[in-house]
Every structure is written in structure tokens, then in C-alpha cells.
Amino acid sequence: MSRPDPSDYDASYATYVDQVPAGRILSILADQAGAPLARLQAIPEQRAGQPCAPGKWTVKETVLHLSDAERIFACRALRIARADTTPLPGFEQDDYAATGGANARSWADIVAEMATVRAATVSLFRGLPPAAWDRRGTANNCPVTVRALAYIIAGHFHHHLRILAEYGL
């Protein structure tokens, strides 16, 4: 399966799409549930409740953000894949982080949730018929294809793990 064309997504998502390495997108999504999630599990509970830097989200909030965003992107992919032409709304990530309650939860529970979300995402994309991958819809007032959403999910995950790694996590 080829990479999405830049016309398949809004330019604001190019940062994510560009971070996805060459290869089969289904394998990339599945592989991200392996070593990267194991690396997250190794972060101590106390450190997971701390922000990476002043004014930034905690590690718990960051990973819960990954789960929330992935659910939204996957829901968009499902609806567009099923030829739903309803324009889909955007979401405000900071509002989600502020009300998600991540810091009151255990780190193990948040990482397990991310693993469950990723398994559902991989299952969704694996089950799509070939024609669905090129279907185009509108999300957050921008055109997007199902193929682009798979790459956005993988790139978004990679982006945030790279940021955590920059802080030694």
C-alpha cells in the first residue's frame, strides 16, 4: 500500500505523516504496540505523574492523549471507510487532557489502555476492504482519506514517543 498523497490530508498533519518510516502501515501500527509500549511500561509510576517540563502535560496525560486522539482518528477512519459523508468535527486536545483524569489513574492502567486502543485500531484497519483505504471524507473542516488517517495515527504516536525520549523517557 502506498503512502498517502499530500492531497489526502491537511498540511497540518504532514509532520505526523512524514515521521512514518517506509514499510507496510499495518505492520508499523502493530509494531508500535511492541517495544514502544514496553518502553512506556518501564517508566516508574512517580515519574509518569510528572510533567516533562514546566507547563507541559505529565507523562500520564501525554499517553492518555495518545489513546484519546487515536480513538478519534480511528472513528474518523471507520466512518469514512463506511462511506459516511457527514462532516466530522474536530476536538480540543487541551480540554480532553484537562478533563481526562489521567493523574488520578495508575500508570499501568493508562499504558494498558493504550495497548487496548492500539489493538482495536490495528483490527479496524486490517478488516477494511481495499476500496475503503482511498475513501475521502471531511474531518475538522479538512479533507482526509482513510489511508492518511492510518499514517496520521502512526506518526502522531511516533511524534509523542520521540518527545518523551528527548526528556529521557
Protein backbone atom coordinates (compact mmCIF):
# COMPACT_ATOMS: atom_id res chain seq x y z
CA MET A 1 0.00 0.00 0.00
CA SER A 2 1.38 3.38 -0.96
CA ARG A 3 1.87 6.35 1.31
CA PRO A 4 -0.90 8.93 1.24
CA ASP A 5 -0.57 11.80 -1.19
CA PRO A 6 -0.34 15.27 0.41
CA SER A 7 -3.77 15.98 -1.09
CA ASP A 8 -5.13 13.18 1.13
CA TYR A 9 -4.77 15.20 4.34
CA ASP A 10 -4.45 18.73 5.66
CA ALA A 11 -0.94 20.18 5.66
CA SER A 12 -1.08 20.43 9.47
CA TYR A 13 -0.76 16.63 9.59
CA ALA A 14 2.33 16.49 7.37
CA THR A 15 4.56 16.46 10.45
CA TYR A 16 2.98 13.18 11.53
CA VAL A 17 2.75 11.54 8.11
CA ASP A 18 6.38 12.43 7.36
CA GLN A 19 7.57 10.64 10.53
CA VAL A 20 6.17 7.28 9.45
CA PRO A 21 9.00 5.11 8.12
CA ALA A 22 8.80 3.23 4.86
CA GLY A 23 7.01 -0.07 5.15
CA ARG A 24 3.59 -1.60 5.45
CA ILE A 25 1.39 0.66 7.54
CA LEU A 26 -0.40 -2.25 9.22
CA SER A 27 2.93 -3.68 10.33
CA ILE A 28 4.10 -0.29 11.55
CA LEU A 29 0.95 0.19 13.62
CA ALA A 30 1.25 -3.31 15.09
CA ASP A 31 4.96 -2.88 15.80
CA GLN A 32 4.30 0.32 17.73
CA ALA A 33 2.36 -1.79 20.23
CA GLY A 34 5.50 -3.82 20.99
CA ALA A 35 8.78 -2.26 22.08
CA PRO A 36 7.48 1.33 22.33
CA LEU A 37 4.73 0.31 24.76
CA ALA A 38 7.19 -1.84 26.71
CA ARG A 39 9.42 1.22 27.00
CA LEU A 40 6.48 3.19 28.41
CA GLN A 41 5.65 0.43 30.90
CA ALA A 42 9.18 0.71 32.29
CA ILE A 43 8.65 4.34 33.36
CA PRO A 44 8.20 4.46 37.14
CA GLU A 45 4.77 5.45 38.46
CA GLN A 46 6.13 8.55 40.20
CA ARG A 47 7.85 9.82 37.06
CA ALA A 48 4.74 9.16 34.96
CA GLY A 49 2.82 11.65 37.11
CA GLN A 50 5.31 14.45 36.49
CA PRO A 51 5.39 16.86 33.57
CA CYS A 52 8.26 16.55 31.12
CA ALA A 53 8.92 20.28 31.52
CA PRO A 54 7.23 23.19 33.31
CA GLY A 55 3.86 23.94 31.74
CA LYS A 56 3.75 20.65 29.81
CA TRP A 57 1.47 17.68 30.26
CA THR A 58 2.51 14.89 32.60
CA VAL A 59 3.64 11.63 31.05
CA LYS A 60 0.29 10.12 32.09
CA GLU A 61 -1.59 12.94 30.37
CA THR A 62 0.53 12.54 27.25
CA VAL A 63 -0.18 8.83 26.92
CA LEU A 64 -3.87 9.28 27.67
CA HIS A 65 -3.83 11.94 24.94
CA LEU A 66 -2.40 9.32 22.58
CA SER A 67 -5.30 6.98 23.41
CA ASP A 68 -7.91 9.73 23.06
CA ALA A 69 -6.55 11.03 19.77
CA GLU A 70 -6.16 7.54 18.35
CA ARG A 71 -9.77 6.73 19.19
CA ILE A 72 -10.93 9.89 17.43
CA PHE A 73 -8.74 9.31 14.36
CA ALA A 74 -9.85 5.66 14.18
CA CYS A 75 -13.52 6.65 14.49
CA ARG A 76 -13.00 9.07 11.62
CA ALA A 77 -11.38 6.27 9.60
CA LEU A 78 -14.28 3.91 10.33
CA ARG A 79 -16.92 6.42 9.35
CA ILE A 80 -15.17 7.45 6.15
CA ALA A 81 -14.37 3.82 5.27
CA ARG A 82 -18.06 3.02 5.57
CA ALA A 83 -18.86 5.88 3.14
CA ASP A 84 -20.35 8.15 5.81
CA THR A 85 -20.25 11.58 4.18
CA THR A 86 -21.15 13.52 7.32
CA PRO A 87 -18.52 16.20 8.03
CA LEU A 88 -16.78 15.13 11.24
CA PRO A 89 -15.93 17.61 13.99
CA GLY A 90 -12.53 18.47 15.40
CA PHE A 91 -11.61 18.17 19.06
CA GLU A 92 -9.68 20.31 21.51
CA GLN A 93 -6.83 18.22 22.88
CA ASP A 94 -6.14 20.50 25.83
CA ASP A 95 -9.75 20.20 27.02
CA TYR A 96 -9.50 16.42 26.78
CA ALA A 97 -6.25 16.44 28.77
CA ALA A 98 -7.71 18.75 31.41
CA THR A 99 -10.76 16.56 31.98
CA GLY A 100 -9.31 13.09 31.34
CA GLY A 101 -8.28 12.44 34.94
CA ALA A 102 -5.00 10.83 33.89
CA ASN A 103 -3.09 11.81 37.01
CA ALA A 104 -5.62 10.10 39.29
CA ARG A 105 -5.14 6.79 37.49
CA SER A 106 -2.38 4.23 37.77
CA TRP A 107 0.36 4.31 35.16
CA ALA A 108 -0.10 0.60 34.45
CA ASP A 109 -3.78 1.19 33.70
CA ILE A 110 -3.04 4.03 31.26
CA VAL A 111 -0.43 2.00 29.38
CA ALA A 112 -2.78 -0.99 29.26
CA GLU A 113 -5.50 1.24 27.85
CA MET A 114 -3.13 2.47 25.13
CA ALA A 115 -2.32 -1.15 24.23
CA THR A 116 -6.03 -1.98 24.02
CA VAL A 117 -6.77 1.06 21.88
CA ARG A 118 -3.92 0.18 19.53
CA ALA A 119 -5.11 -3.42 19.22
CA ALA A 120 -8.57 -2.15 18.25
CA THR A 121 -7.04 0.26 15.73
CA VAL A 122 -4.98 -2.46 14.08
CA SER A 123 -8.03 -4.73 13.96
CA LEU A 124 -10.10 -1.98 12.35
CA PHE A 125 -7.56 -1.27 9.61
CA ARG A 126 -6.85 -4.97 8.97
CA GLY A 127 -10.53 -5.57 8.36
CA LEU A 128 -11.04 -2.82 5.80
CA PRO A 129 -11.73 -3.80 2.21
CA PRO A 130 -9.17 -2.42 -0.28
CA ALA A 131 -11.57 0.19 -1.72
CA ALA A 132 -12.09 1.75 1.72
CA TRP A 133 -8.50 2.96 2.01
CA ASP A 134 -8.97 5.60 -0.67
CA ARG A 135 -12.32 6.90 0.53
CA ARG A 136 -12.28 10.60 1.27
CA GLY A 137 -14.23 12.47 3.91
CA THR A 138 -14.12 15.69 5.86
CA ALA A 139 -12.81 15.94 9.42
CA ASN A 140 -12.24 19.19 11.26
CA ASN A 141 -13.23 21.04 8.06
CA CYS A 142 -10.42 19.37 6.08
CA PRO A 143 -10.41 16.59 3.50
CA VAL A 144 -8.83 13.31 4.60
CA THR A 145 -8.63 9.73 3.35
CA VAL A 146 -8.72 6.54 5.38
CA ARG A 147 -5.14 5.80 4.25
CA ALA A 148 -4.00 9.19 5.55
CA LEU A 149 -5.68 8.57 8.90
CA ALA A 150 -3.70 5.35 9.37
CA TYR A 151 -0.49 7.27 8.75
CA ILE A 152 -1.59 10.15 10.99
CA ILE A 153 -2.20 7.69 13.84
CA ALA A 154 1.22 6.08 13.42
CA GLY A 155 3.00 9.41 13.03
CA HIS A 156 1.22 11.03 15.98
CA PHE A 157 2.26 8.13 18.20
CA HIS A 158 5.86 8.32 16.96
CA HIS A 159 5.92 12.10 17.44
CA HIS A 160 4.93 11.92 21.11
CA LEU A 161 7.24 8.99 21.88
CA ARG A 162 10.11 10.94 20.33
CA ILE A 163 9.30 13.91 22.57
CA LEU A 164 9.23 11.66 25.65
CA ALA A 165 12.59 10.22 24.60
CA GLU A 166 14.03 13.74 24.37
CA TYR A 167 13.18 14.06 28.08
CA GLY A 168 14.94 10.80 28.87
CA LEU A 169 11.81 8.66 28.95
